[in-house]
PDB file of N, CA and C in Angstrom:
ATOM      1  N   UNK A   1      12.438 -38.887   9.251  1.00  0.00           N
ATOM      2  CA  UNK A   1      12.111 -38.752   7.986  1.00  0.00           C
ATOM      3  C   UNK A   1      11.115 -37.400   8.001  1.00  0.00           C
ATOM      4  N   UNK A   2      10.199 -37.746   8.961  1.00  0.00           N
ATOM      5  CA  UNK A   2       8.834 -36.833   9.250  1.00  0.00           C
ATOM      6  C   UNK A   2       9.715 -35.242   9.362  1.00  0.00           C
ATOM      7  N   UNK A   3      10.772 -35.404  10.336  1.00  0.00           N
ATOM      8  CA  UNK A   3      11.713 -33.973  10.484  1.00  0.00           C
ATOM      9  C   UNK A   3      12.136 -33.418   9.294  1.00  0.00           C
ATOM     10  N   UNK A   4      12.589 -34.302   8.507  1.00  0.00           N
ATOM     11  CA  UNK A   4      13.311 -33.839   7.066  1.00  0.00           C
ATOM     12  C   UNK A   4      12.278 -33.102   6.202  1.00  0.00           C
ATOM     13  N   UNK A   5      10.958 -33.826   6.196  1.00  0.00           N
ATOM     14  CA  UNK A   5      10.085 -33.284   5.407  1.00  0.00           C
ATOM     15  C   UNK A   5       9.547 -31.872   5.922  1.00  0.00           C
ATOM     16  N   UNK A   6       9.331 -31.851   7.209  1.00  0.00           N
ATOM     17  CA  UNK A   6       8.937 -30.562   7.962  1.00  0.00           C
ATOM     18  C   UNK A   6       9.802 -29.391   7.819  1.00  0.00           C
ATOM     19  N   UNK A   7      11.331 -30.065   7.730  1.00  0.00           N
ATOM     20  CA  UNK A   7      12.199 -28.933   7.354  1.00  0.00           C
ATOM     21  C   UNK A   7      12.238 -28.448   6.097  1.00  0.00           C
ATOM     22  N   UNK A   8      12.070 -29.431   4.987  1.00  0.00           N
ATOM     23  CA  UNK A   8      12.136 -28.988   3.846  1.00  0.00           C
ATOM     24  C   UNK A   8      10.840 -28.014   3.380  1.00  0.00           C
ATOM     25  N   UNK A   9       9.645 -28.364   4.227  1.00  0.00           N
ATOM     26  CA  UNK A   9       8.331 -27.625   3.838  1.00  0.00           C
ATOM     27  C   UNK A   9       8.704 -26.325   4.440  1.00  0.00           C
ATOM     28  N   UNK A  10       9.134 -26.215   5.727  1.00  0.00           N
ATOM     29  CA  UNK A  10       9.522 -24.667   6.201  1.00  0.00           C
ATOM     30  C   UNK A  10      10.346 -23.938   5.197  1.00  0.00           C
ATOM     31  N   UNK A  11      11.297 -24.561   4.809  1.00  0.00           N
ATOM     32  CA  UNK A  11      12.380 -23.792   3.916  1.00  0.00           C
ATOM     33  C   UNK A  11      11.712 -23.166   2.846  1.00  0.00           C
ATOM     34  N   UNK A  12      10.949 -24.162   2.139  1.00  0.00           N
ATOM     35  CA  UNK A  12      10.105 -23.739   0.887  1.00  0.00           C
ATOM     36  C   UNK A  12       9.339 -22.735   1.076  1.00  0.00           C
ATOM     37  N   UNK A  13       8.524 -22.514   2.009  1.00  0.00           N
ATOM     38  CA  UNK A  13       7.707 -21.739   2.443  1.00  0.00           C
ATOM     39  C   UNK A  13       8.331 -20.230   2.836  1.00  0.00           C
ATOM     40  N   UNK A  14       9.420 -20.469   3.459  1.00  0.00           N
ATOM     41  CA  UNK A  14      10.307 -19.272   3.837  1.00  0.00           C
ATOM     42  C   UNK A  14      10.764 -18.675   2.699  1.00  0.00           C
ATOM     43  N   UNK A  15      11.218 -19.439   1.723  1.00  0.00           N
ATOM     44  CA  UNK A  15      11.815 -18.956   0.464  1.00  0.00           C
ATOM     45  C   UNK A  15      10.820 -18.339  -0.472  1.00  0.00           C
ATOM     46  N   UNK A  16       9.586 -18.882  -0.438  1.00  0.00           N
ATOM     47  CA  UNK A  16       8.516 -18.223  -1.376  1.00  0.00           C
ATOM     48  C   UNK A  16       8.059 -16.728  -0.393  1.00  0.00           C
ATOM     49  N   UNK A  17       7.994 -16.735   0.701  1.00  0.00           N
ATOM     50  CA  UNK A  17       7.641 -15.557   1.369  1.00  0.00           C
ATOM     51  C   UNK A  17       8.732 -14.350   1.029  1.00  0.00           C
ATOM     52  N   UNK A  18       9.805 -14.636   1.166  1.00  0.00           N
ATOM     53  CA  UNK A  18      11.181 -13.856   1.005  1.00  0.00           C
ATOM     54  C   UNK A  18      10.966 -13.441  -0.647  1.00  0.00           C
ATOM     55  N   UNK A  19      10.948 -14.205  -1.516  1.00  0.00           N
ATOM     56  CA  UNK A  19      10.870 -13.888  -2.869  1.00  0.00           C
ATOM     57  C   UNK A  19       9.429 -12.983  -3.177  1.00  0.00           C
ATOM     58  N   UNK A  20       8.595 -13.093  -2.652  1.00  0.00           N
ATOM     59  CA  UNK A  20       7.225 -12.095  -2.872  1.00  0.00           C
ATOM     60  C   UNK A  20       7.634 -10.882  -2.303  1.00  0.00           C
ATOM     61  N   UNK A  21       8.409 -10.974  -0.925  1.00  0.00           N
ATOM     62  CA  UNK A  21       8.557  -9.721  -0.516  1.00  0.00           C
ATOM     63  C   UNK A  21       9.628  -9.013  -1.220  1.00  0.00           C
ATOM     64  N   UNK A  22      10.519  -9.533  -1.897  1.00  0.00           N
ATOM     65  CA  UNK A  22      11.548  -8.887  -2.761  1.00  0.00           C
ATOM     66  C   UNK A  22      10.989  -8.274  -3.970  1.00  0.00           C
ATOM     67  N   UNK A  23      10.027  -9.141  -4.736  1.00  0.00           N
ATOM     68  CA  UNK A  23       9.358  -8.760  -5.881  1.00  0.00           C
ATOM     69  C   UNK A  23       8.332  -7.535  -5.549  1.00  0.00           C
ATOM     70  N   UNK A  24       7.672  -7.558  -4.545  1.00  0.00           N
ATOM     71  CA  UNK A  24       6.809  -6.654  -4.035  1.00  0.00           C
ATOM     72  C   UNK A  24       7.520  -5.147  -4.041  1.00  0.00           C
ATOM     73  N   UNK A  25       8.783  -5.160  -3.463  1.00  0.00           N
ATOM     74  CA  UNK A  25       9.530  -4.008  -2.933  1.00  0.00           C
ATOM     75  C   UNK A  25      10.209  -3.553  -4.337  1.00  0.00           C
ATOM     76  N   UNK A  26      10.475  -4.411  -5.198  1.00  0.00           N
ATOM     77  CA  UNK A  26      11.260  -4.045  -6.583  1.00  0.00           C
ATOM     78  C   UNK A  26       9.820  -3.509  -7.466  1.00  0.00           C
ATOM     79  N   UNK A  27       8.639  -3.672  -7.331  1.00  0.00           N
ATOM     80  CA  UNK A  27       7.811  -3.266  -8.147  1.00  0.00           C
ATOM     81  C   UNK A  27       7.256  -1.678  -7.402  1.00  0.00           C
ATOM     82  N   UNK A  28       7.538  -1.687  -6.298  1.00  0.00           N
ATOM     83  CA  UNK A  28       7.235  -0.465  -5.546  1.00  0.00           C
ATOM     84  C   UNK A  28       8.298   0.671  -5.903  1.00  0.00           C
ATOM     85  N   UNK A  29       9.612   0.024  -6.001  1.00  0.00           N
ATOM     86  CA  UNK A  29      10.513   1.030  -6.697  1.00  0.00           C
ATOM     87  C   UNK A  29      10.439   1.455  -8.086  1.00  0.00           C
ATOM     88  N   UNK A  30      10.174   0.548  -8.887  1.00  0.00           N
ATOM     89  CA  UNK A  30       9.900   0.806 -10.217  1.00  0.00           C
ATOM     90  C   UNK A  30       8.548   1.787 -10.301  1.00  0.00           C
ATOM     91  N   UNK A  31       7.578   1.498  -9.706  1.00  0.00           N
ATOM     92  CA  UNK A  31       6.460   2.496  -9.559  1.00  0.00           C
ATOM     93  C   UNK A  31       6.933   3.914  -9.297  1.00  0.00           C
ATOM     94  N   UNK A  32       7.700   4.024  -8.415  1.00  0.00           N
ATOM     95  CA  UNK A  32       8.104   5.330  -8.000  1.00  0.00           C
ATOM     96  C   UNK A  32       8.761   6.028  -9.167  1.00  0.00           C
ATOM     97  N   UNK A  33       9.588   5.555  -9.714  1.00  0.00           N
ATOM     98  CA  UNK A  33      10.203   6.078 -11.085  1.00  0.00           C
ATOM     99  C   UNK A  33       9.075   6.449 -12.292  1.00  0.00           C
ATOM    100  N   UNK A  34       8.385   5.305 -12.453  1.00  0.00           N
ATOM    101  CA  UNK A  34       7.229   5.615 -13.542  1.00  0.00           C
ATOM    102  C   UNK A  34       6.505   6.417 -13.090  1.00  0.00           C
ATOM    103  N   UNK A  35       5.889   6.741 -11.986  1.00  0.00           N
ATOM    104  CA  UNK A  35       4.914   7.736 -11.650  1.00  0.00           C
ATOM    105  C   UNK A  35       5.532   9.102 -11.703  1.00  0.00           C
ATOM    106  N   UNK A  36       6.689   9.166 -11.282  1.00  0.00           N
ATOM    107  CA  UNK A  36       7.706  10.544 -11.437  1.00  0.00           C
ATOM    108  C   UNK A  36       7.677  11.087 -12.764  1.00  0.00           C
ATOM    109  N   UNK A  37       8.208   9.986 -13.920  1.00  0.00           N
ATOM    110  CA  UNK A  37       8.162  10.387 -15.309  1.00  0.00           C
ATOM    111  C   UNK A  37       6.985  10.691 -15.704  1.00  0.00           C
ATOM    112  N   UNK A  38       5.884   9.675 -15.518  1.00  0.00           N
ATOM    113  CA  UNK A  38       4.635   9.886 -16.204  1.00  0.00           C
ATOM    114  C   UNK A  38       4.034  11.438 -15.668  1.00  0.00           C
ATOM    115  N   UNK A  39       3.916  11.568 -14.346  1.00  0.00           N
ATOM    116  CA  UNK A  39       3.754  12.868 -13.903  1.00  0.00           C
ATOM    117  C   UNK A  39       4.166  14.099 -14.941  1.00  0.00           C
ATOM    118  N   UNK A  40       5.460  13.949 -14.933  1.00  0.00           N
ATOM    119  CA  UNK A  40       6.279  14.892 -15.721  1.00  0.00           C
ATOM    120  C   UNK A  40       5.910  15.226 -17.281  1.00  0.00           C
ATOM    121  N   UNK A  41       5.708  13.998 -17.666  1.00  0.00           N
ATOM    122  CA  UNK A  41       5.379  14.052 -19.150  1.00  0.00           C
ATOM    123  C   UNK A  41       3.839  14.672 -19.165  1.00  0.00           C
ATOM    124  N   UNK A  42       3.062  14.232 -18.395  1.00  0.00           N
ATOM    125  CA  UNK A  42       1.693  14.924 -18.314  1.00  0.00           C
ATOM    126  C   UNK A  42       1.798  16.364 -18.038  1.00  0.00           C
ATOM    127  N   UNK A  43       2.479  16.763 -17.044  1.00  0.00           N
ATOM    128  CA  UNK A  43       2.873  18.212 -16.814  1.00  0.00           C
ATOM    129  C   UNK A  43       3.446  19.052 -18.142  1.00  0.00           C
ATOM    130  N   UNK A  44       4.210  18.582 -18.709  1.00  0.00           N
ATOM    131  CA  UNK A  44       5.094  19.119 -19.736  1.00  0.00           C
ATOM    132  C   UNK A  44       5.121  18.153 -20.869  1.00  0.00           C
ATOM    133  N   UNK A  45       4.169  18.065 -21.953  1.00  0.00           N
ATOM    134  CA  UNK A  45       3.962  17.111 -22.904  1.00  0.00           C
ATOM    135  C   UNK A  45       5.188  17.253 -23.790  1.00  0.00           C
ATOM    136  N   UNK A  46       5.732  16.268 -24.215  1.00  0.00           N
ATOM    137  CA  UNK A  46       6.916  16.075 -25.108  1.00  0.00           C
ATOM    138  C   UNK A  46       6.306  16.674 -26.557  1.00  0.00           C
ATOM    139  N   UNK A  47       7.414  17.250 -27.095  1.00  0.00           N
ATOM    140  CA  UNK A  47       7.211  17.895 -28.568  1.00  0.00           C
ATOM    141  C   UNK A  47       7.533  17.034 -29.387  1.00  0.00           C
ATOM    142  N   UNK A  48       8.513  16.024 -29.481  1.00  0.00           N
ATOM    143  CA  UNK A  48       9.000  15.409 -30.597  1.00  0.00           C
ATOM    144  C   UNK A  48       8.146  13.956 -30.441  1.00  0.00           C
ATOM    145  N   UNK A  49       8.269  13.381 -31.798  1.00  0.00           N
ATOM    146  CA  UNK A  49       7.609  11.980 -31.771  1.00  0.00           C
ATOM    147  C   UNK A  49       7.898  10.897 -30.787  1.00  0.00           C
ATOM    148  N   UNK A  50       9.421  10.813 -30.660  1.00  0.00           N
ATOM    149  CA  UNK A  50       9.949   9.851 -29.731  1.00  0.00           C
ATOM    150  C   UNK A  50       9.620  10.275 -28.516  1.00  0.00           C
ATOM    151  N   UNK A  51       9.519  11.619 -28.065  1.00  0.00           N
ATOM    152  CA  UNK A  51       9.046  11.851 -26.799  1.00  0.00           C
ATOM    153  C   UNK A  51       7.836  11.510 -26.421  1.00  0.00           C
ATOM    154  N   UNK A  52       6.802  11.819 -27.400  1.00  0.00           N
ATOM    155  CA  UNK A  52       5.511  11.337 -27.156  1.00  0.00           C
ATOM    156  C   UNK A  52       5.213   9.953 -27.093  1.00  0.00           C
ATOM    157  N   UNK A  53       6.019   9.035 -27.826  1.00  0.00           N
ATOM    158  CA  UNK A  53       5.990   7.450 -27.779  1.00  0.00           C
ATOM    159  C   UNK A  53       6.466   7.180 -26.328  1.00  0.00           C
ATOM    160  N   UNK A  54       7.674   7.793 -25.814  1.00  0.00           N
ATOM    161  CA  UNK A  54       8.023   7.411 -24.458  1.00  0.00           C
ATOM    162  C   UNK A  54       6.936   7.843 -23.567  1.00  0.00           C
ATOM    163  N   UNK A  55       6.267   8.842 -23.581  1.00  0.00           N
ATOM    164  CA  UNK A  55       5.384   9.319 -22.474  1.00  0.00           C
ATOM    165  C   UNK A  55       4.014   8.361 -22.736  1.00  0.00           C
ATOM    166  N   UNK A  56       3.746   8.066 -23.896  1.00  0.00           N
ATOM    167  CA  UNK A  56       2.661   6.701 -23.875  1.00  0.00           C
ATOM    168  C   UNK A  56       2.968   5.737 -23.539  1.00  0.00           C
ATOM    169  N   UNK A  57       4.213   5.329 -23.514  1.00  0.00           N
ATOM    170  CA  UNK A  57       4.863   3.872 -22.841  1.00  0.00           C
ATOM    171  C   UNK A  57       4.894   4.007 -21.355  1.00  0.00           C
ATOM    172  N   UNK A  58       5.121   5.001 -20.905  1.00  0.00           N
ATOM    173  CA  UNK A  58       5.252   5.282 -19.495  1.00  0.00           C
ATOM    174  C   UNK A  58       3.722   5.158 -18.796  1.00  0.00           C
ATOM    175  N   UNK A  59       2.769   5.938 -19.570  1.00  0.00           N
ATOM    176  CA  UNK A  59       1.467   5.863 -19.116  1.00  0.00           C
ATOM    177  C   UNK A  59       0.852   4.494 -19.206  1.00  0.00           C
ATOM    178  N   UNK A  60       1.240   3.638 -20.240  1.00  0.00           N
ATOM    179  CA  UNK A  60       0.962   2.347 -20.266  1.00  0.00           C
ATOM    180  C   UNK A  60       1.416   1.515 -19.183  1.00  0.00           C
ATOM    181  N   UNK A  61       2.925   1.671 -18.922  1.00  0.00           N
ATOM    182  CA  UNK A  61       3.596   0.643 -17.686  1.00  0.00           C
ATOM    183  C   UNK A  61       3.090   1.319 -16.514  1.00  0.00           C
ATOM    184  N   UNK A  62       2.630   2.575 -16.133  1.00  0.00           N
ATOM    185  CA  UNK A  62       1.961   2.933 -14.914  1.00  0.00           C
ATOM    186  C   UNK A  62       0.914   1.912 -14.860  1.00  0.00           C
ATOM    187  N   UNK A  63      -0.137   1.977 -15.800  1.00  0.00           N
ATOM    188  CA  UNK A  63      -1.305   1.151 -15.539  1.00  0.00           C
ATOM    189  C   UNK A  63      -1.168  -0.266 -15.309  1.00  0.00           C
ATOM    190  N   UNK A  64      -0.217  -1.077 -16.229  1.00  0.00           N
ATOM    191  CA  UNK A  64       0.201  -2.485 -15.987  1.00  0.00           C
ATOM    192  C   UNK A  64       0.497  -2.679 -14.664  1.00  0.00           C
ATOM    193  N   UNK A  65       1.550  -1.758 -14.074  1.00  0.00           N
ATOM    194  CA  UNK A  65       2.092  -2.242 -12.749  1.00  0.00           C
ATOM    195  C   UNK A  65       1.133  -1.686 -11.741  1.00  0.00           C
ATOM    196  N   UNK A  66      -0.074  -1.291 -12.082  1.00  0.00           N
ATOM    197  CA  UNK A  66      -0.978  -0.616 -11.029  1.00  0.00           C
ATOM    198  C   UNK A  66      -0.509   0.360 -10.243  1.00  0.00           C
ATOM    199  N   UNK A  67       0.424   1.262 -10.618  1.00  0.00           N
ATOM    200  CA  UNK A  67       0.763   2.290  -9.832  1.00  0.00           C
ATOM    201  C   UNK A  67      -0.222   3.419  -9.560  1.00  0.00           C
ATOM    202  N   UNK A  68      -0.013   4.134  -8.699  1.00  0.00           N
ATOM    203  CA  UNK A  68      -1.157   5.128  -8.373  1.00  0.00           C
ATOM    204  C   UNK A  68      -1.399   5.835  -9.471  1.00  0.00           C
ATOM    205  N   UNK A  69      -2.784   6.107  -9.598  1.00  0.00           N
ATOM    206  CA  UNK A  69      -3.419   6.814 -10.968  1.00  0.00           C
ATOM    207  C   UNK A  69      -2.954   8.348 -10.672  1.00  0.00           C
ATOM    208  N   UNK A  70      -2.950   9.042 -11.745  1.00  0.00           N
ATOM    209  CA  UNK A  70      -2.602  10.397 -11.963  1.00  0.00           C
ATOM    210  C   UNK A  70      -3.666  11.167 -10.983  1.00  0.00           C
ATOM    211  N   UNK A  71      -3.172  12.241  -9.926  1.00  0.00           N
ATOM    212  CA  UNK A  71      -3.888  13.052  -9.503  1.00  0.00           C
ATOM    213  C   UNK A  71      -4.249  12.303  -8.084  1.00  0.00           C
ATOM    214  N   UNK A  72      -3.864  11.065  -7.677  1.00  0.00           N
ATOM    215  CA  UNK A  72      -4.400  10.405  -6.512  1.00  0.00           C
ATOM    216  C   UNK A  72      -3.087  10.720  -5.472  1.00  0.00           C
ATOM    217  N   UNK A  73      -3.503  10.664  -4.126  1.00  0.00           N
ATOM    218  CA  UNK A  73      -2.557  11.078  -3.269  1.00  0.00           C
ATOM    219  C   UNK A  73      -1.301   9.845  -3.229  1.00  0.00           C
ATOM    220  N   UNK A  74      -0.136  10.416  -3.025  1.00  0.00           N
ATOM    221  CA  UNK A  74       1.101   9.459  -2.914  1.00  0.00           C
ATOM    222  C   UNK A  74       1.584   9.502  -1.628  1.00  0.00           C
ATOM    223  N   UNK A  75       1.924   8.180  -0.938  1.00  0.00           N
ATOM    224  CA  UNK A  75       2.578   8.614   0.623  1.00  0.00           C
ATOM    225  C   UNK A  75       4.088   8.839   0.658  1.00  0.00           C
TER     226      UNK A  75
END
């Protein structure tokens, strides 16, 4: 019974570590895209209302995801 409990505990912890790793990697991938788009919109501001709305949303998403700030060094 103790062996079963320990196995279940190890399996649970392992799956949590794996899920956190996958989530962190996904956020890093998303940050790469958001940073590229936000930097592009900052360098060349959109001229249409829809473009400005998208640019504002990219900037907000960059902040919410805690992606690198504009002007900071990227690896």
